[in-house]
């Protein structure tokens, strides 16, 4: 981010925004300016698990059984002659880490000039991976060994059926079901759940956008009853709940009961409701979600001015959205697989 922040080449690298903000403010990263604890996204949510799964690291972030193989391929791609030839550069970086950790408080201040930062950026920038490194990662991804790859090999092969303009996760799942029918129950559960979740999200976003147009007196939630798109979004929501509940019951995750988790989270929407009841339930549901996000809870995106009146806080106001009843709300790793496929060819 020091060297390549403005050239558009940094894409999909976790932590870039918070890093750039810290560099702009005081020139280095430290515990105060960077992430306080691991989150469910980024490195700890995806890449750490994947790297562990592929044997690049162990669960303690130590070198895994395939670490040397990958580092050797990476070093050869950089023209360093493999792992042995890279050792002086690795030693320089190791010393920089130790120096930074020795700061009080610890912060990234190794005393480098601009060219040293640029060399580091070039060495690890995702778009600069060379043929040997790409092949090594691709082979690890596609090698079953003792690992369960699930639908991954089929999804990988299906990437050739799409281009950048035609790819979407819904179509990817349709093709997967055609070539691997055994995934039908899982895909049916995904579609049913997404149909329910999309209905709720579209309805809540519409409620937010309409309520955002009101002054300090707030918005009376019952006034949403005449909004055509809102009514369309929540039409037969209880039937979508039942369909998702039934489809999830078919999926076996061992000790985890998906229908029970679904009931626990969304049980308030199991029964038939009129438009106004549903709007009120969406507000209550949002408040419950916010309260559960931490030990102390988080504020909802609106303030209550009465049982049936809300005021949308300015940070969470949005323009009126277009409802998308036929699109997934959540991602199922289709795009990351697509990205890996295009990066590692």
C-alpha atoms as a PDB file:
ATOM      1  CA  UNK A   1       0.000   0.000   0.000  1.00  0.00           C
ATOM      2  CA  UNK A   2       2.974   2.345   0.449  1.00  0.00           C
ATOM      3  CA  UNK A   3       4.173   1.747  -3.099  1.00  0.00           C
ATOM      4  CA  UNK A   4       1.130   0.712  -5.118  1.00  0.00           C
ATOM      5  CA  UNK A   5      -1.822   2.437  -3.489  1.00  0.00           C
ATOM      6  CA  UNK A   6      -2.880   4.500  -6.487  1.00  0.00           C
ATOM      7  CA  UNK A   7      -2.106   2.358  -9.522  1.00  0.00           C
ATOM      8  CA  UNK A   8      -5.175   0.100  -9.326  1.00  0.00           C
ATOM      9  CA  UNK A   9      -3.182  -3.137  -9.182  1.00  0.00           C
ATOM     10  CA  UNK A  10      -4.039  -3.970  -5.571  1.00  0.00           C
ATOM     11  CA  UNK A  11      -7.306  -5.879  -5.683  1.00  0.00           C
ATOM     12  CA  UNK A  12      -8.913  -8.223  -3.210  1.00  0.00           C
ATOM     13  CA  UNK A  13      -6.132  -7.981  -0.615  1.00  0.00           C
ATOM     14  CA  UNK A  14      -7.609  -7.976   2.911  1.00  0.00           C
ATOM     15  CA  UNK A  15      -6.816  -4.955   5.065  1.00  0.00           C
ATOM     16  CA  UNK A  16      -5.864  -2.522   2.301  1.00  0.00           C
ATOM     17  CA  UNK A  17      -8.323   0.206   3.246  1.00  0.00           C
ATOM     18  CA  UNK A  18      -7.463   0.266   6.938  1.00  0.00           C
ATOM     19  CA  UNK A  19      -3.765   0.101   6.044  1.00  0.00           C
ATOM     20  CA  UNK A  20      -3.978   3.051   3.673  1.00  0.00           C
ATOM     21  CA  UNK A  21      -5.866   5.073   6.271  1.00  0.00           C
ATOM     22  CA  UNK A  22      -3.182   4.395   8.878  1.00  0.00           C
ATOM     23  CA  UNK A  23      -0.373   5.291   6.471  1.00  0.00           C
ATOM     24  CA  UNK A  24      -2.106   8.534   5.524  1.00  0.00           C
ATOM     25  CA  UNK A  25      -2.628   9.501   9.157  1.00  0.00           C
ATOM     26  CA  UNK A  26       0.768   8.770  10.706  1.00  0.00           C
ATOM     27  CA  UNK A  27       2.890   6.726   8.317  1.00  0.00           C
ATOM     28  CA  UNK A  28       2.932   3.301   9.976  1.00  0.00           C
ATOM     29  CA  UNK A  29       0.762   0.485  11.300  1.00  0.00           C
ATOM     30  CA  UNK A  30       0.406  -0.316  14.973  1.00  0.00           C
ATOM     31  CA  UNK A  31      -2.137  -2.013  17.238  1.00  0.00           C
ATOM     32  CA  UNK A  32      -4.095   1.206  17.590  1.00  0.00           C
ATOM     33  CA  UNK A  33      -4.465   1.847  13.869  1.00  0.00           C
ATOM     34  CA  UNK A  34      -4.903  -1.682  12.558  1.00  0.00           C
ATOM     35  CA  UNK A  35      -7.362  -4.502  13.285  1.00  0.00           C
ATOM     36  CA  UNK A  36      -7.751  -5.143  17.014  1.00  0.00           C
ATOM     37  CA  UNK A  37      -8.879  -8.775  16.717  1.00  0.00           C
ATOM     38  CA  UNK A  38      -9.243 -11.301  13.877  1.00  0.00           C
ATOM     39  CA  UNK A  39     -12.496 -10.993  11.972  1.00  0.00           C
ATOM     40  CA  UNK A  40     -14.528 -13.602  10.114  1.00  0.00           C
ATOM     41  CA  UNK A  41     -13.454 -12.181   6.747  1.00  0.00           C
ATOM     42  CA  UNK A  42     -10.097 -11.594   5.121  1.00  0.00           C
ATOM     43  CA  UNK A  43      -7.098 -13.628   6.192  1.00  0.00           C
ATOM     44  CA  UNK A  44      -8.578 -15.344   9.237  1.00  0.00           C
ATOM     45  CA  UNK A  45     -11.880 -16.105   7.508  1.00  0.00           C
ATOM     46  CA  UNK A  46     -10.648 -17.501   4.184  1.00  0.00           C
ATOM     47  CA  UNK A  47      -6.947 -17.444   3.467  1.00  0.00           C
ATOM     48  CA  UNK A  48      -5.683 -18.834   6.765  1.00  0.00           C
ATOM     49  CA  UNK A  49      -8.060 -21.781   6.518  1.00  0.00           C
ATOM     50  CA  UNK A  50      -7.166 -22.366   2.889  1.00  0.00           C
ATOM     51  CA  UNK A  51      -3.427 -22.139   3.565  1.00  0.00           C
ATOM     52  CA  UNK A  52      -3.820 -24.624   6.430  1.00  0.00           C
ATOM     53  CA  UNK A  53      -5.933 -26.920   4.263  1.00  0.00           C
ATOM     54  CA  UNK A  54      -3.254 -26.929   1.558  1.00  0.00           C
ATOM     55  CA  UNK A  55      -0.430 -27.635   4.019  1.00  0.00           C
ATOM     56  CA  UNK A  56       1.270 -24.259   3.523  1.00  0.00           C
ATOM     57  CA  UNK A  57       1.004 -23.419   7.240  1.00  0.00           C
ATOM     58  CA  UNK A  58      -0.102 -25.236  10.359  1.00  0.00           C
ATOM     59  CA  UNK A  59      -2.816 -24.084  12.749  1.00  0.00           C
ATOM     60  CA  UNK A  60      -0.236 -22.036  14.695  1.00  0.00           C
ATOM     61  CA  UNK A  61       0.926 -20.201  11.531  1.00  0.00           C
ATOM     62  CA  UNK A  62       4.146 -22.201  11.449  1.00  0.00           C
ATOM     63  CA  UNK A  63       5.484 -23.682   8.232  1.00  0.00           C
ATOM     64  CA  UNK A  64       3.391 -26.556   6.923  1.00  0.00           C
ATOM     65  CA  UNK A  65       4.609 -29.593   4.944  1.00  0.00           C
ATOM     66  CA  UNK A  66       4.182 -27.776   1.611  1.00  0.00           C
ATOM     67  CA  UNK A  67       5.707 -24.454   2.704  1.00  0.00           C
ATOM     68  CA  UNK A  68       9.210 -25.085   1.318  1.00  0.00           C
ATOM     69  CA  UNK A  69       7.821 -26.216  -2.018  1.00  0.00           C
ATOM     70  CA  UNK A  70       5.799 -23.010  -2.380  1.00  0.00           C
ATOM     71  CA  UNK A  71       8.579 -20.670  -1.206  1.00  0.00           C
ATOM     72  CA  UNK A  72      11.031 -22.357  -3.596  1.00  0.00           C
ATOM     73  CA  UNK A  73       8.625 -21.889  -6.533  1.00  0.00           C
ATOM     74  CA  UNK A  74       8.030 -18.263  -5.505  1.00  0.00           C
ATOM     75  CA  UNK A  75      11.765 -17.553  -5.240  1.00  0.00           C
ATOM     76  CA  UNK A  76      12.507 -19.144  -8.614  1.00  0.00           C
ATOM     77  CA  UNK A  77       9.804 -17.000 -10.180  1.00  0.00           C
ATOM     78  CA  UNK A  78      11.503 -13.886  -8.827  1.00  0.00           C
ATOM     79  CA  UNK A  79      14.823 -15.008 -10.315  1.00  0.00           C
ATOM     80  CA  UNK A  80      16.406 -15.663  -6.924  1.00  0.00           C
ATOM     81  CA  UNK A  81      17.453 -19.225  -7.733  1.00  0.00           C
ATOM     82  CA  UNK A  82      15.080 -20.960  -5.373  1.00  0.00           C
ATOM     83  CA  UNK A  83      14.869 -21.082  -1.590  1.00  0.00           C
ATOM     84  CA  UNK A  84      18.619 -21.017  -0.994  1.00  0.00           C
ATOM     85  CA  UNK A  85      19.090 -17.950  -3.155  1.00  0.00           C
ATOM     86  CA  UNK A  86      16.257 -16.149  -1.398  1.00  0.00           C
ATOM     87  CA  UNK A  87      17.694 -16.549   2.097  1.00  0.00           C
ATOM     88  CA  UNK A  88      19.545 -13.172   2.202  1.00  0.00           C
ATOM     89  CA  UNK A  89      16.344 -11.340   1.250  1.00  0.00           C
ATOM     90  CA  UNK A  90      14.289 -13.363   3.737  1.00  0.00           C
ATOM     91  CA  UNK A  91      16.849 -12.531   6.421  1.00  0.00           C
ATOM     92  CA  UNK A  92      16.511  -8.816   5.644  1.00  0.00           C
ATOM     93  CA  UNK A  93      12.743  -9.025   6.014  1.00  0.00           C
ATOM     94  CA  UNK A  94      13.051 -11.066   9.203  1.00  0.00           C
ATOM     95  CA  UNK A  95      15.330  -8.423  10.711  1.00  0.00           C
ATOM     96  CA  UNK A  96      12.846  -5.710   9.762  1.00  0.00           C
ATOM     97  CA  UNK A  97      10.045  -7.584  11.534  1.00  0.00           C
ATOM     98  CA  UNK A  98      12.171  -8.011  14.670  1.00  0.00           C
ATOM     99  CA  UNK A  99      13.101  -4.319  14.663  1.00  0.00           C
ATOM    100  CA  UNK A 100       9.474  -3.299  14.303  1.00  0.00           C
ATOM    101  CA  UNK A 101       8.406  -5.611  17.130  1.00  0.00           C
ATOM    102  CA  UNK A 102      11.166  -4.090  19.269  1.00  0.00           C
ATOM    103  CA  UNK A 103       9.610  -0.626  18.997  1.00  0.00           C
ATOM    104  CA  UNK A 104       7.701   0.564  22.047  1.00  0.00           C
ATOM    105  CA  UNK A 105       4.878   0.224  21.279  1.00  0.00           C
ATOM    106  CA  UNK A 106       5.454  -2.196  18.360  1.00  0.00           C
ATOM    107  CA  UNK A 107       4.933  -0.559  14.951  1.00  0.00           C
ATOM    108  CA  UNK A 108       6.106  -1.008  11.374  1.00  0.00           C
ATOM    109  CA  UNK A 109       9.233   1.168  11.379  1.00  0.00           C
ATOM    110  CA  UNK A 110      12.153  -0.856  10.005  1.00  0.00           C
ATOM    111  CA  UNK A 111      13.937   2.277   8.770  1.00  0.00           C
ATOM    112  CA  UNK A 112      13.617   1.329   5.125  1.00  0.00           C
ATOM    113  CA  UNK A 113      13.939   3.587   2.103  1.00  0.00           C
ATOM    114  CA  UNK A 114      11.249   3.620  -0.571  1.00  0.00           C
ATOM    115  CA  UNK A 115      12.970   1.002  -2.764  1.00  0.00           C
ATOM    116  CA  UNK A 116      12.897  -1.585   0.036  1.00  0.00           C
ATOM    117  CA  UNK A 117       9.130  -1.150   0.409  1.00  0.00           C
ATOM    118  CA  UNK A 118       8.741  -1.425  -3.361  1.00  0.00           C
ATOM    119  CA  UNK A 119      10.742  -4.669  -3.451  1.00  0.00           C
ATOM    120  CA  UNK A 120       8.510  -6.112  -0.732  1.00  0.00           C
ATOM    121  CA  UNK A 121       5.375  -5.039  -2.609  1.00  0.00           C
ATOM    122  CA  UNK A 122       6.552  -6.577  -5.873  1.00  0.00           C
ATOM    123  CA  UNK A 123       7.548  -9.813  -4.173  1.00  0.00           C
ATOM    124  CA  UNK A 124       4.160 -10.414  -2.611  1.00  0.00           C
ATOM    125  CA  UNK A 125       1.664  -8.559  -4.796  1.00  0.00           C
ATOM    126  CA  UNK A 126      -0.903 -11.148  -5.994  1.00  0.00           C
ATOM    127  CA  UNK A 127      -0.814  -9.960  -9.598  1.00  0.00           C
ATOM    128  CA  UNK A 128       2.942 -10.532  -9.839  1.00  0.00           C
ATOM    129  CA  UNK A 129       2.851 -14.299  -9.179  1.00  0.00           C
ATOM    130  CA  UNK A 130       5.012 -16.085 -11.744  1.00  0.00           C
ATOM    131  CA  UNK A 131       4.383 -19.317 -13.616  1.00  0.00           C
ATOM    132  CA  UNK A 132       6.120 -21.660 -11.152  1.00  0.00           C
ATOM    133  CA  UNK A 133       4.326 -20.174  -8.143  1.00  0.00           C
ATOM    134  CA  UNK A 134       0.956 -20.279  -9.902  1.00  0.00           C
ATOM    135  CA  UNK A 135       1.497 -23.891 -10.932  1.00  0.00           C
ATOM    136  CA  UNK A 136       2.495 -24.878  -7.400  1.00  0.00           C
ATOM    137  CA  UNK A 137      -0.638 -23.351  -5.872  1.00  0.00           C
ATOM    138  CA  UNK A 138      -2.849 -24.755  -8.624  1.00  0.00           C
ATOM    139  CA  UNK A 139      -1.456 -28.252  -8.087  1.00  0.00           C
ATOM    140  CA  UNK A 140      -2.027 -27.998  -4.338  1.00  0.00           C
ATOM    141  CA  UNK A 141      -5.583 -26.790  -4.888  1.00  0.00           C
ATOM    142  CA  UNK A 142      -6.491 -29.610  -7.231  1.00  0.00           C
ATOM    143  CA  UNK A 143      -4.609 -32.434  -5.523  1.00  0.00           C
ATOM    144  CA  UNK A 144      -6.992 -34.514  -3.426  1.00  0.00           C
ATOM    145  CA  UNK A 145      -4.385 -36.467  -1.423  1.00  0.00           C
ATOM    146  CA  UNK A 146      -6.110 -37.077   1.898  1.00  0.00           C
ATOM    147  CA  UNK A 147      -8.235 -33.936   1.645  1.00  0.00           C
ATOM    148  CA  UNK A 148     -11.918 -33.748   0.848  1.00  0.00           C
ATOM    149  CA  UNK A 149     -12.376 -31.292  -2.005  1.00  0.00           C
ATOM    150  CA  UNK A 150     -16.159 -31.616  -2.280  1.00  0.00           C
ATOM    151  CA  UNK A 151     -17.560 -29.791  -5.296  1.00  0.00           C
ATOM    152  CA  UNK A 152     -14.396 -27.776  -5.840  1.00  0.00           C
ATOM    153  CA  UNK A 153     -12.941 -29.789  -8.784  1.00  0.00           C
ATOM    154  CA  UNK A 154     -16.271 -29.640 -10.624  1.00  0.00           C
ATOM    155  CA  UNK A 155     -16.635 -25.911  -9.961  1.00  0.00           C
ATOM    156  CA  UNK A 156     -13.090 -25.382 -11.211  1.00  0.00           C
ATOM    157  CA  UNK A 157     -13.771 -27.172 -14.492  1.00  0.00           C
ATOM    158  CA  UNK A 158     -17.020 -25.254 -14.994  1.00  0.00           C
ATOM    159  CA  UNK A 159     -15.175 -21.929 -15.018  1.00  0.00           C
ATOM    160  CA  UNK A 160     -14.319 -22.535 -18.675  1.00  0.00           C
ATOM    161  CA  UNK A 161     -18.059 -22.349 -19.475  1.00  0.00           C
ATOM    162  CA  UNK A 162     -18.230 -18.687 -18.431  1.00  0.00           C
ATOM    163  CA  UNK A 163     -16.565 -15.419 -19.265  1.00  0.00           C
ATOM    164  CA  UNK A 164     -16.341 -12.216 -17.229  1.00  0.00           C
ATOM    165  CA  UNK A 165     -19.665 -10.970 -18.628  1.00  0.00           C
ATOM    166  CA  UNK A 166     -21.714 -14.145 -18.192  1.00  0.00           C
ATOM    167  CA  UNK A 167     -20.456 -15.437 -14.841  1.00  0.00           C
ATOM    168  CA  UNK A 168     -22.828 -15.371 -11.903  1.00  0.00           C
ATOM    169  CA  UNK A 169     -23.151 -17.695  -8.952  1.00  0.00           C
ATOM    170  CA  UNK A 170     -26.738 -18.665  -9.682  1.00  0.00           C
ATOM    171  CA  UNK A 171     -25.793 -19.897 -13.164  1.00  0.00           C
ATOM    172  CA  UNK A 172     -22.705 -21.636 -11.777  1.00  0.00           C
ATOM    173  CA  UNK A 173     -24.931 -23.591  -9.384  1.00  0.00           C
ATOM    174  CA  UNK A 174     -27.316 -24.486 -12.197  1.00  0.00           C
ATOM    175  CA  UNK A 175     -24.442 -25.924 -14.227  1.00  0.00           C
ATOM    176  CA  UNK A 176     -23.059 -27.739 -11.183  1.00  0.00           C
ATOM    177  CA  UNK A 177     -26.397 -29.474 -10.663  1.00  0.00           C
ATOM    178  CA  UNK A 178     -26.417 -30.537 -14.313  1.00  0.00           C
ATOM    179  CA  UNK A 179     -22.969 -32.153 -14.201  1.00  0.00           C
ATOM    180  CA  UNK A 180     -23.050 -33.347 -10.561  1.00  0.00           C
ATOM    181  CA  UNK A 181     -26.700 -34.192  -9.712  1.00  0.00           C
ATOM    182  CA  UNK A 182     -25.742 -35.444  -6.237  1.00  0.00           C
ATOM    183  CA  UNK A 183     -25.391 -31.806  -5.160  1.00  0.00           C
ATOM    184  CA  UNK A 184     -29.072 -31.211  -5.958  1.00  0.00           C
ATOM    185  CA  UNK A 185     -30.315 -31.245  -2.319  1.00  0.00           C
ATOM    186  CA  UNK A 186     -27.572 -28.854  -1.181  1.00  0.00           C
ATOM    187  CA  UNK A 187     -28.238 -26.469  -4.067  1.00  0.00           C
ATOM    188  CA  UNK A 188     -31.992 -26.646  -3.425  1.00  0.00           C
ATOM    189  CA  UNK A 189     -31.337 -25.654   0.189  1.00  0.00           C
ATOM    190  CA  UNK A 190     -29.138 -22.754  -0.929  1.00  0.00           C
ATOM    191  CA  UNK A 191     -31.787 -21.510  -3.363  1.00  0.00           C
ATOM    192  CA  UNK A 192     -34.606 -21.797  -0.811  1.00  0.00           C
ATOM    193  CA  UNK A 193     -32.608 -20.026   1.878  1.00  0.00           C
ATOM    194  CA  UNK A 194     -31.522 -17.294  -0.525  1.00  0.00           C
ATOM    195  CA  UNK A 195     -35.116 -16.759  -1.653  1.00  0.00           C
ATOM    196  CA  UNK A 196     -36.137 -16.159   1.955  1.00  0.00           C
ATOM    197  CA  UNK A 197     -33.095 -14.036   2.834  1.00  0.00           C
ATOM    198  CA  UNK A 198     -33.396 -11.914  -0.313  1.00  0.00           C
ATOM    199  CA  UNK A 199     -37.034 -11.163   0.446  1.00  0.00           C
ATOM    200  CA  UNK A 200     -36.161  -9.941   3.932  1.00  0.00           C
ATOM    201  CA  UNK A 201     -33.154  -7.898   2.847  1.00  0.00           C
ATOM    202  CA  UNK A 202     -34.954  -6.206  -0.036  1.00  0.00           C
ATOM    203  CA  UNK A 203     -37.871  -5.364   2.248  1.00  0.00           C
ATOM    204  CA  UNK A 204     -35.636  -3.971   4.981  1.00  0.00           C
ATOM    205  CA  UNK A 205     -33.609  -1.904   2.496  1.00  0.00           C
ATOM    206  CA  UNK A 206     -36.818  -0.474   1.051  1.00  0.00           C
ATOM    207  CA  UNK A 207     -38.025   0.387   4.536  1.00  0.00           C
ATOM    208  CA  UNK A 208     -34.725   2.114   5.265  1.00  0.00           C
ATOM    209  CA  UNK A 209     -34.778   4.103   2.046  1.00  0.00           C
ATOM    210  CA  UNK A 210     -38.367   5.281   2.481  1.00  0.00           C
ATOM    211  CA  UNK A 211     -37.860   6.132   6.153  1.00  0.00           C
ATOM    212  CA  UNK A 212     -34.688   8.078   5.317  1.00  0.00           C
ATOM    213  CA  UNK A 213     -36.789  10.682   3.525  1.00  0.00           C
ATOM    214  CA  UNK A 214     -38.492  11.785   6.725  1.00  0.00           C
ATOM    215  CA  UNK A 215     -37.502  14.646   9.009  1.00  0.00           C
ATOM    216  CA  UNK A 216     -36.660  14.507  12.694  1.00  0.00           C
ATOM    217  CA  UNK A 217     -40.189  13.371  13.504  1.00  0.00           C
ATOM    218  CA  UNK A 218     -39.301  10.004  11.985  1.00  0.00           C
ATOM    219  CA  UNK A 219     -41.205   7.523   9.883  1.00  0.00           C
ATOM    220  CA  UNK A 220     -44.316   5.642  10.913  1.00  0.00           C
ATOM    221  CA  UNK A 221     -43.603   2.066   9.862  1.00  0.00           C
ATOM    222  CA  UNK A 222     -47.252   1.353   9.122  1.00  0.00           C
ATOM    223  CA  UNK A 223     -47.010   3.876   6.258  1.00  0.00           C
ATOM    224  CA  UNK A 224     -45.025   1.301   4.259  1.00  0.00           C
ATOM    225  CA  UNK A 225     -48.260  -0.606   3.631  1.00  0.00           C
ATOM    226  CA  UNK A 226     -48.805   1.163   0.290  1.00  0.00           C
ATOM    227  CA  UNK A 227     -45.313   0.566  -1.131  1.00  0.00           C
ATOM    228  CA  UNK A 228     -45.696  -1.814  -4.084  1.00  0.00           C
ATOM    229  CA  UNK A 229     -42.125  -3.154  -4.025  1.00  0.00           C
ATOM    230  CA  UNK A 230     -42.216  -3.715  -0.269  1.00  0.00           C
ATOM    231  CA  UNK A 231     -45.420  -5.708  -0.570  1.00  0.00           C
ATOM    232  CA  UNK A 232     -43.942  -7.700  -3.444  1.00  0.00           C
ATOM    233  CA  UNK A 233     -40.791  -8.465  -1.445  1.00  0.00           C
ATOM    234  CA  UNK A 234     -42.585  -9.867   1.582  1.00  0.00           C
ATOM    235  CA  UNK A 235     -45.458 -11.525  -0.287  1.00  0.00           C
ATOM    236  CA  UNK A 236     -45.871 -15.071   1.084  1.00  0.00           C
ATOM    237  CA  UNK A 237     -42.749 -14.702   3.206  1.00  0.00           C
ATOM    238  CA  UNK A 238     -44.057 -17.399   5.529  1.00  0.00           C
ATOM    239  CA  UNK A 239     -44.135 -19.817   2.587  1.00  0.00           C
ATOM    240  CA  UNK A 240     -40.537 -18.992   1.768  1.00  0.00           C
ATOM    241  CA  UNK A 241     -39.691 -19.626   5.416  1.00  0.00           C
ATOM    242  CA  UNK A 242     -41.329 -23.045   5.259  1.00  0.00           C
ATOM    243  CA  UNK A 243     -39.591 -23.911   1.979  1.00  0.00           C
ATOM    244  CA  UNK A 244     -36.174 -22.977   3.391  1.00  0.00           C
ATOM    245  CA  UNK A 245     -36.842 -24.826   6.644  1.00  0.00           C
ATOM    246  CA  UNK A 246     -37.822 -27.973   4.757  1.00  0.00           C
ATOM    247  CA  UNK A 247     -34.861 -27.797   2.345  1.00  0.00           C
ATOM    248  CA  UNK A 248     -32.346 -27.255   5.160  1.00  0.00           C
ATOM    249  CA  UNK A 249     -33.666 -30.321   6.997  1.00  0.00           C
ATOM    250  CA  UNK A 250     -32.367 -32.509   4.170  1.00  0.00           C
ATOM    251  CA  UNK A 251     -28.773 -31.324   4.660  1.00  0.00           C
ATOM    252  CA  UNK A 252     -26.730 -33.314   7.167  1.00  0.00           C
ATOM    253  CA  UNK A 253     -23.933 -31.439   8.926  1.00  0.00           C
ATOM    254  CA  UNK A 254     -23.319 -33.937  11.679  1.00  0.00           C
ATOM    255  CA  UNK A 255     -24.053 -32.445  15.076  1.00  0.00           C
ATOM    256  CA  UNK A 256     -25.306 -29.145  13.642  1.00  0.00           C
ATOM    257  CA  UNK A 257     -29.042 -28.837  12.986  1.00  0.00           C
ATOM    258  CA  UNK A 258     -29.593 -26.270  10.270  1.00  0.00           C
ATOM    259  CA  UNK A 259     -33.397 -26.163  10.764  1.00  0.00           C
ATOM    260  CA  UNK A 260     -32.880 -25.420  14.472  1.00  0.00           C
ATOM    261  CA  UNK A 261     -30.436 -22.619  13.703  1.00  0.00           C
ATOM    262  CA  UNK A 262     -32.833 -21.273  11.098  1.00  0.00           C
ATOM    263  CA  UNK A 263     -35.738 -21.337  13.566  1.00  0.00           C
ATOM    264  CA  UNK A 264     -33.648 -19.657  16.230  1.00  0.00           C
ATOM    265  CA  UNK A 265     -32.705 -16.800  13.932  1.00  0.00           C
ATOM    266  CA  UNK A 266     -35.853 -16.340  11.846  1.00  0.00           C
ATOM    267  CA  UNK A 267     -38.702 -17.986  13.752  1.00  0.00           C
ATOM    268  CA  UNK A 268     -40.585 -14.684  14.038  1.00  0.00           C
ATOM    269  CA  UNK A 269     -41.294 -14.892  10.288  1.00  0.00           C
ATOM    270  CA  UNK A 270     -42.695 -18.430  10.297  1.00  0.00           C
ATOM    271  CA  UNK A 271     -46.319 -17.352  10.403  1.00  0.00           C
ATOM    272  CA  UNK A 272     -48.460 -15.369   8.007  1.00  0.00           C
ATOM    273  CA  UNK A 273     -48.248 -11.594   8.615  1.00  0.00           C
ATOM    274  CA  UNK A 274     -49.765  -8.561   6.992  1.00  0.00           C
ATOM    275  CA  UNK A 275     -47.552  -5.818   5.564  1.00  0.00           C
ATOM    276  CA  UNK A 276     -47.459  -3.671   8.692  1.00  0.00           C
ATOM    277  CA  UNK A 277     -46.744  -6.608  10.997  1.00  0.00           C
ATOM    278  CA  UNK A 278     -43.891  -7.672   8.767  1.00  0.00           C
ATOM    279  CA  UNK A 279     -42.371  -4.174   8.729  1.00  0.00           C
ATOM    280  CA  UNK A 280     -42.452  -4.065  12.517  1.00  0.00           C
ATOM    281  CA  UNK A 281     -40.955  -7.552  12.751  1.00  0.00           C
ATOM    282  CA  UNK A 282     -38.121  -6.571  10.422  1.00  0.00           C
ATOM    283  CA  UNK A 283     -37.265  -3.640  12.714  1.00  0.00           C
ATOM    284  CA  UNK A 284     -37.346  -5.879  15.784  1.00  0.00           C
ATOM    285  CA  UNK A 285     -35.232  -8.505  14.014  1.00  0.00           C
ATOM    286  CA  UNK A 286     -32.613  -5.916  13.075  1.00  0.00           C
ATOM    287  CA  UNK A 287     -32.402  -4.693  16.665  1.00  0.00           C
ATOM    288  CA  UNK A 288     -31.903  -8.274  17.893  1.00  0.00           C
ATOM    289  CA  UNK A 289     -29.123  -8.865  15.366  1.00  0.00           C
ATOM    290  CA  UNK A 290     -27.320  -5.708  16.467  1.00  0.00           C
ATOM    291  CA  UNK A 291     -27.602  -6.582  20.151  1.00  0.00           C
ATOM    292  CA  UNK A 292     -26.054  -9.993  19.521  1.00  0.00           C
ATOM    293  CA  UNK A 293     -22.991  -8.674  17.685  1.00  0.00           C
ATOM    294  CA  UNK A 294     -20.929  -8.127  20.836  1.00  0.00           C
ATOM    295  CA  UNK A 295     -21.069  -8.498  24.585  1.00  0.00           C
ATOM    296  CA  UNK A 296     -22.293  -4.923  24.924  1.00  0.00           C
ATOM    297  CA  UNK A 297     -24.378  -5.009  21.748  1.00  0.00           C
ATOM    298  CA  UNK A 298     -24.349  -2.495  18.907  1.00  0.00           C
ATOM    299  CA  UNK A 299     -26.749   0.322  18.138  1.00  0.00           C
ATOM    300  CA  UNK A 300     -29.376  -0.349  15.543  1.00  0.00           C
ATOM    301  CA  UNK A 301     -29.349   1.647  12.340  1.00  0.00           C
ATOM    302  CA  UNK A 302     -32.366   3.598  13.499  1.00  0.00           C
ATOM    303  CA  UNK A 303     -33.638   5.205  16.693  1.00  0.00           C
ATOM    304  CA  UNK A 304     -37.100   4.441  17.949  1.00  0.00           C
ATOM    305  CA  UNK A 305     -39.324   7.462  18.496  1.00  0.00           C
ATOM    306  CA  UNK A 306     -42.222   5.291  19.571  1.00  0.00           C
ATOM    307  CA  UNK A 307     -43.513   1.763  19.130  1.00  0.00           C
ATOM    308  CA  UNK A 308     -44.369   2.401  15.475  1.00  0.00           C
ATOM    309  CA  UNK A 309     -42.040   5.270  14.573  1.00  0.00           C
ATOM    310  CA  UNK A 310     -38.354   5.116  13.648  1.00  0.00           C
ATOM    311  CA  UNK A 311     -35.674   7.614  12.675  1.00  0.00           C
ATOM    312  CA  UNK A 312     -32.943   6.312  10.342  1.00  0.00           C
ATOM    313  CA  UNK A 313     -29.517   7.474  11.449  1.00  0.00           C
ATOM    314  CA  UNK A 314     -27.708   9.401   8.703  1.00  0.00           C
ATOM    315  CA  UNK A 315     -24.856   6.894   8.326  1.00  0.00           C
ATOM    316  CA  UNK A 316     -27.336   4.190   7.318  1.00  0.00           C
ATOM    317  CA  UNK A 317     -29.504   6.090   4.877  1.00  0.00           C
ATOM    318  CA  UNK A 318     -29.571   4.711   1.355  1.00  0.00           C
ATOM    319  CA  UNK A 319     -31.269   5.636  -1.930  1.00  0.00           C
ATOM    320  CA  UNK A 320     -34.210   3.523  -2.964  1.00  0.00           C
ATOM    321  CA  UNK A 321     -32.887   0.134  -4.120  1.00  0.00           C
ATOM    322  CA  UNK A 322     -34.127  -2.055  -6.945  1.00  0.00           C
ATOM    323  CA  UNK A 323     -35.466  -5.309  -5.554  1.00  0.00           C
ATOM    324  CA  UNK A 324     -33.720  -8.426  -6.855  1.00  0.00           C
ATOM    325  CA  UNK A 325     -36.009 -11.381  -6.142  1.00  0.00           C
ATOM    326  CA  UNK A 326     -34.088 -13.757  -8.432  1.00  0.00           C
ATOM    327  CA  UNK A 327     -30.584 -13.047  -7.149  1.00  0.00           C
ATOM    328  CA  UNK A 328     -28.675 -14.534  -4.232  1.00  0.00           C
ATOM    329  CA  UNK A 329     -28.111 -12.268  -1.268  1.00  0.00           C
ATOM    330  CA  UNK A 330     -25.013 -14.080   0.005  1.00  0.00           C
ATOM    331  CA  UNK A 331     -21.843 -15.296  -1.673  1.00  0.00           C
ATOM    332  CA  UNK A 332     -20.934 -18.978  -1.840  1.00  0.00           C
ATOM    333  CA  UNK A 333     -17.274 -18.620  -2.834  1.00  0.00           C
ATOM    334  CA  UNK A 334     -18.108 -18.741  -6.521  1.00  0.00           C
ATOM    335  CA  UNK A 335     -16.327 -15.463  -7.226  1.00  0.00           C
ATOM    336  CA  UNK A 336     -13.182 -16.323  -5.215  1.00  0.00           C
ATOM    337  CA  UNK A 337     -12.956 -19.633  -7.098  1.00  0.00           C
ATOM    338  CA  UNK A 338     -13.347 -17.692 -10.328  1.00  0.00           C
ATOM    339  CA  UNK A 339     -10.598 -15.313  -9.243  1.00  0.00           C
ATOM    340  CA  UNK A 340      -8.259 -18.192  -8.337  1.00  0.00           C
ATOM    341  CA  UNK A 341      -9.009 -19.838 -11.682  1.00  0.00           C
ATOM    342  CA  UNK A 342      -8.153 -16.745 -13.715  1.00  0.00           C
ATOM    343  CA  UNK A 343      -5.108 -15.891 -11.560  1.00  0.00           C
ATOM    344  CA  UNK A 344      -3.577 -19.362 -11.664  1.00  0.00           C
ATOM    345  CA  UNK A 345      -3.979 -20.247 -15.342  1.00  0.00           C
END
